[in-house]
């Protein structure tokens, strides 16, 4: 797996963003959240599903988020793009119909 990058190592750039899914007993549902992998000890994801950018699509069959970012030229050098993809993917798993403000807030932790 090479998509998730270690950028700053301090949680500031978002290049290492992955999606964590876990069962929430109160909500009786799976909850998705974007996590900076550089800050998450392995023990903190015990019992969770961890999805990296490789887990949502391929170059031949990209996920819709990957496809849209590519079509709209939403990448600069590409180093941080997997983190941006995973932040948006996580947000859409939580709320499939976000507002523009929701989307802007989603990218707050990405370069």
N, C-alpha and C. Protein backbone atom coordinates (compact mmCIF):
# COMPACT_ATOMS: atom_id res chain seq x y z
N UNK A 1 0.85 -1.18 0.00
CA UNK A 1 0.00 0.00 0.00
C UNK A 1 0.89 1.24 0.00
N UNK A 2 0.70 2.08 -0.98
CA UNK A 2 1.54 3.27 -1.09
C UNK A 2 0.74 4.56 -1.19
N UNK A 3 -0.57 4.48 -1.17
CA UNK A 3 -1.40 5.68 -1.33
C UNK A 3 -1.39 6.59 -0.13
N UNK A 4 -1.46 6.03 1.07
CA UNK A 4 -1.48 6.82 2.29
C UNK A 4 -0.05 7.28 2.57
N UNK A 5 0.14 8.58 2.64
CA UNK A 5 1.48 9.15 2.77
C UNK A 5 1.73 9.67 4.18
N UNK A 6 2.99 9.60 4.61
CA UNK A 6 3.40 10.26 5.84
C UNK A 6 3.98 11.60 5.42
N UNK A 7 3.25 12.66 5.74
CA UNK A 7 3.69 14.00 5.37
C UNK A 7 4.41 14.66 6.53
N UNK A 8 3.64 15.32 7.37
CA UNK A 8 4.23 16.08 8.47
C UNK A 8 4.47 15.24 9.71
N UNK A 9 3.72 14.15 9.88
CA UNK A 9 3.86 13.33 11.08
C UNK A 9 3.27 13.98 12.32
N UNK A 10 2.54 15.07 12.13
CA UNK A 10 1.95 15.81 13.26
C UNK A 10 0.45 16.01 13.11
N UNK A 11 -0.16 15.45 12.08
CA UNK A 11 -1.59 15.59 11.88
C UNK A 11 -2.01 16.89 11.24
N UNK A 12 -1.07 17.63 10.67
CA UNK A 12 -1.40 18.93 10.11
C UNK A 12 -1.67 18.97 8.63
N UNK A 13 -1.18 17.97 7.88
CA UNK A 13 -1.30 18.06 6.42
C UNK A 13 -2.40 17.19 5.83
N UNK A 14 -2.78 16.12 6.52
CA UNK A 14 -3.85 15.25 6.04
C UNK A 14 -3.45 14.24 4.99
N UNK A 15 -2.17 14.17 4.63
CA UNK A 15 -1.72 13.23 3.60
C UNK A 15 -1.92 11.78 4.03
N UNK A 16 -1.99 11.55 5.33
CA UNK A 16 -2.10 10.18 5.86
C UNK A 16 -3.54 9.80 6.22
N UNK A 17 -4.52 10.57 5.77
CA UNK A 17 -5.91 10.33 6.16
C UNK A 17 -6.42 8.98 5.68
N UNK A 18 -7.04 8.25 6.59
CA UNK A 18 -7.71 6.98 6.30
C UNK A 18 -9.12 7.06 6.88
N UNK A 19 -9.97 6.14 6.49
CA UNK A 19 -11.32 6.08 7.04
C UNK A 19 -11.39 4.95 8.06
N UNK A 20 -11.89 5.28 9.23
CA UNK A 20 -12.10 4.30 10.29
C UNK A 20 -13.61 4.10 10.43
N UNK A 21 -14.03 2.84 10.44
CA UNK A 21 -15.45 2.52 10.63
C UNK A 21 -15.57 1.63 11.86
N UNK A 22 -16.53 1.97 12.71
CA UNK A 22 -16.78 1.13 13.89
C UNK A 22 -18.27 1.13 14.20
N UNK A 23 -18.70 0.10 14.92
CA UNK A 23 -20.10 -0.03 15.31
C UNK A 23 -20.34 0.82 16.55
N UNK A 24 -21.31 1.72 16.45
CA UNK A 24 -21.68 2.56 17.58
C UNK A 24 -22.92 1.95 18.23
N UNK A 25 -22.77 1.51 19.45
CA UNK A 25 -23.88 0.83 20.14
C UNK A 25 -25.05 1.76 20.39
N UNK A 26 -24.78 3.03 20.72
CA UNK A 26 -25.87 3.97 20.97
C UNK A 26 -26.68 4.24 19.71
N UNK A 27 -25.99 4.46 18.60
CA UNK A 27 -26.68 4.75 17.34
C UNK A 27 -27.17 3.49 16.64
N UNK A 28 -26.65 2.34 17.07
CA UNK A 28 -26.96 1.07 16.42
C UNK A 28 -26.68 1.15 14.91
N UNK A 29 -25.50 1.69 14.61
CA UNK A 29 -25.10 1.86 13.21
C UNK A 29 -23.58 1.92 13.12
N UNK A 30 -23.10 1.70 11.92
CA UNK A 30 -21.67 1.87 11.66
C UNK A 30 -21.40 3.36 11.51
N UNK A 31 -20.36 3.84 12.18
CA UNK A 31 -19.98 5.24 12.14
C UNK A 31 -18.64 5.34 11.40
N UNK A 32 -18.55 6.30 10.49
CA UNK A 32 -17.33 6.50 9.70
C UNK A 32 -16.69 7.82 10.11
N UNK A 33 -15.36 7.81 10.18
CA UNK A 33 -14.66 9.06 10.47
C UNK A 33 -13.31 9.06 9.79
N UNK A 34 -12.88 10.23 9.39
CA UNK A 34 -11.55 10.40 8.82
C UNK A 34 -10.56 10.56 9.97
N UNK A 35 -9.44 9.87 9.86
CA UNK A 35 -8.43 9.89 10.92
C UNK A 35 -7.06 10.09 10.29
N UNK A 36 -6.25 10.92 10.93
CA UNK A 36 -4.85 11.06 10.52
C UNK A 36 -4.11 9.84 11.04
N UNK A 37 -3.72 8.96 10.14
CA UNK A 37 -3.07 7.71 10.54
C UNK A 37 -1.77 7.95 11.31
N UNK A 38 -1.11 9.05 11.05
CA UNK A 38 0.16 9.32 11.73
C UNK A 38 -0.04 9.56 13.22
N UNK A 39 -1.26 9.87 13.63
CA UNK A 39 -1.55 10.13 15.05
C UNK A 39 -2.30 9.00 15.73
N UNK A 40 -2.70 7.99 14.98
CA UNK A 40 -3.54 6.93 15.53
C UNK A 40 -2.71 5.69 15.85
N UNK A 41 -2.49 5.41 17.14
CA UNK A 41 -1.80 4.17 17.48
C UNK A 41 -2.63 2.97 17.01
N UNK A 42 -1.96 1.91 16.65
CA UNK A 42 -2.66 0.72 16.15
C UNK A 42 -3.72 0.25 17.14
N UNK A 43 -3.43 0.32 18.44
CA UNK A 43 -4.39 -0.14 19.44
C UNK A 43 -5.68 0.68 19.42
N UNK A 44 -5.64 1.91 18.89
CA UNK A 44 -6.84 2.75 18.86
C UNK A 44 -7.84 2.32 17.80
N UNK A 45 -7.44 1.46 16.89
CA UNK A 45 -8.36 0.99 15.85
C UNK A 45 -8.71 -0.49 16.02
N UNK A 46 -8.45 -1.01 17.20
CA UNK A 46 -8.83 -2.40 17.49
C UNK A 46 -10.34 -2.54 17.34
N UNK A 47 -10.78 -3.51 16.58
CA UNK A 47 -12.21 -3.74 16.37
C UNK A 47 -12.82 -2.84 15.31
N UNK A 48 -12.01 -2.03 14.64
CA UNK A 48 -12.50 -1.12 13.61
C UNK A 48 -12.07 -1.61 12.23
N UNK A 49 -12.76 -1.13 11.23
CA UNK A 49 -12.33 -1.37 9.84
C UNK A 49 -11.57 -0.13 9.39
N UNK A 50 -10.37 -0.33 8.90
CA UNK A 50 -9.54 0.76 8.41
C UNK A 50 -9.51 0.66 6.89
N UNK A 51 -9.91 1.74 6.22
CA UNK A 51 -9.91 1.76 4.77
C UNK A 51 -8.93 2.82 4.29
N UNK A 52 -8.00 2.40 3.44
CA UNK A 52 -7.07 3.34 2.82
C UNK A 52 -7.58 3.70 1.44
N UNK A 53 -6.91 4.61 0.79
CA UNK A 53 -7.34 5.03 -0.55
C UNK A 53 -7.36 3.86 -1.53
N UNK A 54 -6.50 2.87 -1.32
CA UNK A 54 -6.51 1.70 -2.20
C UNK A 54 -7.77 0.86 -2.03
N UNK A 55 -8.45 1.03 -0.90
CA UNK A 55 -9.63 0.23 -0.61
C UNK A 55 -10.93 0.75 -1.21
N UNK A 56 -10.88 1.91 -1.85
CA UNK A 56 -12.14 2.45 -2.39
C UNK A 56 -12.21 2.44 -3.91
N UNK A 57 -11.09 2.27 -4.58
CA UNK A 57 -11.11 2.25 -6.03
C UNK A 57 -9.74 1.95 -6.60
N UNK A 58 -9.71 1.76 -7.90
CA UNK A 58 -8.45 1.49 -8.60
C UNK A 58 -8.29 2.49 -9.74
N UNK A 59 -7.14 2.47 -10.37
CA UNK A 59 -6.95 3.37 -11.51
C UNK A 59 -7.87 2.99 -12.67
N UNK A 60 -8.19 1.70 -12.78
CA UNK A 60 -9.10 1.25 -13.83
C UNK A 60 -10.57 1.51 -13.45
N UNK A 61 -10.89 1.37 -12.18
CA UNK A 61 -12.25 1.58 -11.70
C UNK A 61 -12.22 2.47 -10.46
N UNK A 62 -12.04 3.78 -10.66
CA UNK A 62 -11.96 4.68 -9.51
C UNK A 62 -13.31 4.86 -8.82
N UNK A 63 -13.25 5.14 -7.52
CA UNK A 63 -14.44 5.50 -6.77
C UNK A 63 -14.92 6.85 -7.32
N UNK A 64 -16.17 7.14 -7.16
CA UNK A 64 -16.73 8.40 -7.68
C UNK A 64 -15.98 9.62 -7.15
N UNK A 65 -15.56 9.59 -5.89
CA UNK A 65 -14.80 10.72 -5.32
C UNK A 65 -13.48 10.88 -6.08
N UNK A 66 -12.78 9.80 -6.30
CA UNK A 66 -11.51 9.85 -7.04
C UNK A 66 -11.73 10.37 -8.46
N UNK A 67 -12.77 9.88 -9.08
CA UNK A 67 -13.10 10.26 -10.45
C UNK A 67 -13.38 11.75 -10.56
N UNK A 68 -14.21 12.26 -9.65
CA UNK A 68 -14.58 13.68 -9.70
C UNK A 68 -13.39 14.59 -9.43
N UNK A 69 -12.55 14.22 -8.46
CA UNK A 69 -11.37 15.04 -8.17
C UNK A 69 -10.45 15.08 -9.38
N UNK A 70 -10.26 13.94 -10.04
CA UNK A 70 -9.42 13.89 -11.24
C UNK A 70 -10.02 14.71 -12.38
N UNK A 71 -11.32 14.55 -12.61
CA UNK A 71 -11.99 15.27 -13.71
C UNK A 71 -11.97 16.78 -13.51
N UNK A 72 -12.00 17.21 -12.25
CA UNK A 72 -12.03 18.65 -11.95
C UNK A 72 -10.64 19.22 -11.66
N UNK A 73 -9.60 18.43 -11.96
CA UNK A 73 -8.22 18.85 -11.74
C UNK A 73 -8.00 19.30 -10.30
N UNK A 74 -8.51 18.51 -9.37
CA UNK A 74 -8.44 18.84 -7.95
C UNK A 74 -7.18 18.36 -7.27
N UNK A 75 -6.11 18.21 -8.02
CA UNK A 75 -4.86 17.74 -7.45
C UNK A 75 -3.75 18.68 -7.87
N UNK A 76 -2.80 18.88 -6.98
CA UNK A 76 -1.63 19.69 -7.34
C UNK A 76 -0.52 18.73 -7.74
N UNK A 77 0.39 18.43 -6.83
CA UNK A 77 1.47 17.49 -7.16
C UNK A 77 1.02 16.05 -6.98
N UNK A 78 -0.07 15.82 -6.25
CA UNK A 78 -0.60 14.48 -6.05
C UNK A 78 -0.24 13.84 -4.73
N UNK A 79 0.73 14.39 -4.01
CA UNK A 79 1.17 13.78 -2.76
C UNK A 79 0.04 13.76 -1.72
N UNK A 80 -0.69 14.85 -1.60
CA UNK A 80 -1.75 14.96 -0.59
C UNK A 80 -3.11 14.48 -1.09
N UNK A 81 -3.23 14.23 -2.38
CA UNK A 81 -4.53 13.88 -2.96
C UNK A 81 -5.19 12.67 -2.31
N UNK A 82 -4.47 11.59 -1.99
CA UNK A 82 -5.14 10.47 -1.32
C UNK A 82 -5.80 10.87 0.00
N UNK A 83 -5.16 11.76 0.74
CA UNK A 83 -5.76 12.23 1.99
C UNK A 83 -7.01 13.06 1.75
N UNK A 84 -6.99 13.87 0.71
CA UNK A 84 -8.16 14.66 0.35
C UNK A 84 -9.30 13.74 -0.06
N UNK A 85 -8.98 12.74 -0.86
CA UNK A 85 -9.98 11.76 -1.29
C UNK A 85 -10.61 11.08 -0.08
N UNK A 86 -9.78 10.64 0.86
CA UNK A 86 -10.29 9.91 2.02
C UNK A 86 -11.09 10.81 2.96
N UNK A 87 -10.71 12.07 3.07
CA UNK A 87 -11.50 13.00 3.89
C UNK A 87 -12.90 13.15 3.31
N UNK A 88 -12.98 13.34 1.99
CA UNK A 88 -14.28 13.49 1.35
C UNK A 88 -15.07 12.18 1.38
N UNK A 89 -14.40 11.07 1.15
CA UNK A 89 -15.06 9.76 1.21
C UNK A 89 -15.69 9.54 2.58
N UNK A 90 -14.94 9.83 3.65
CA UNK A 90 -15.45 9.67 5.02
C UNK A 90 -16.65 10.57 5.26
N UNK A 91 -16.54 11.81 4.81
CA UNK A 91 -17.64 12.76 5.00
C UNK A 91 -18.91 12.30 4.28
N UNK A 92 -18.74 11.78 3.07
CA UNK A 92 -19.90 11.31 2.32
C UNK A 92 -20.50 10.04 2.90
N UNK A 93 -19.69 9.23 3.55
CA UNK A 93 -20.23 8.04 4.23
C UNK A 93 -21.10 8.48 5.41
N UNK A 94 -20.71 9.56 6.07
CA UNK A 94 -21.50 10.07 7.20
C UNK A 94 -22.74 10.82 6.73
N UNK A 95 -22.59 11.58 5.66
CA UNK A 95 -23.67 12.43 5.17
C UNK A 95 -23.63 12.45 3.64
N UNK A 96 -24.47 11.65 2.99
CA UNK A 96 -24.43 11.57 1.52
C UNK A 96 -24.89 12.83 0.79
N UNK A 97 -25.48 13.78 1.51
CA UNK A 97 -25.94 15.01 0.87
C UNK A 97 -25.42 16.23 1.63
N UNK A 98 -24.10 16.45 1.60
CA UNK A 98 -23.54 17.57 2.36
C UNK A 98 -23.80 18.92 1.69
N UNK A 99 -23.76 19.95 2.50
CA UNK A 99 -23.84 21.31 1.98
C UNK A 99 -22.42 21.73 1.57
N UNK A 100 -22.33 22.86 0.89
CA UNK A 100 -21.01 23.39 0.52
C UNK A 100 -20.18 23.67 1.78
N UNK A 101 -20.84 24.17 2.82
CA UNK A 101 -20.14 24.43 4.08
C UNK A 101 -19.60 23.14 4.70
N UNK A 102 -20.39 22.07 4.63
CA UNK A 102 -19.94 20.77 5.13
C UNK A 102 -18.69 20.31 4.40
N UNK A 103 -18.69 20.48 3.08
CA UNK A 103 -17.55 20.05 2.28
C UNK A 103 -16.32 20.89 2.60
N UNK A 104 -16.50 22.19 2.74
CA UNK A 104 -15.37 23.05 3.11
C UNK A 104 -14.80 22.64 4.45
N UNK A 105 -15.66 22.33 5.41
CA UNK A 105 -15.20 21.91 6.74
C UNK A 105 -14.47 20.57 6.66
N UNK A 106 -14.88 19.72 5.74
CA UNK A 106 -14.24 18.41 5.55
C UNK A 106 -12.77 18.57 5.21
N UNK A 107 -12.43 19.57 4.41
CA UNK A 107 -11.05 19.75 3.96
C UNK A 107 -10.22 20.62 4.88
N UNK A 108 -10.75 20.95 6.02
CA UNK A 108 -10.04 21.82 6.97
C UNK A 108 -8.69 21.24 7.38
N UNK A 109 -8.58 19.92 7.47
CA UNK A 109 -7.33 19.31 7.91
C UNK A 109 -6.42 18.86 6.78
N UNK A 110 -6.73 19.26 5.56
CA UNK A 110 -5.91 18.88 4.40
C UNK A 110 -5.22 20.11 3.82
N UNK A 111 -4.03 19.88 3.24
CA UNK A 111 -3.32 20.97 2.57
C UNK A 111 -4.01 21.35 1.29
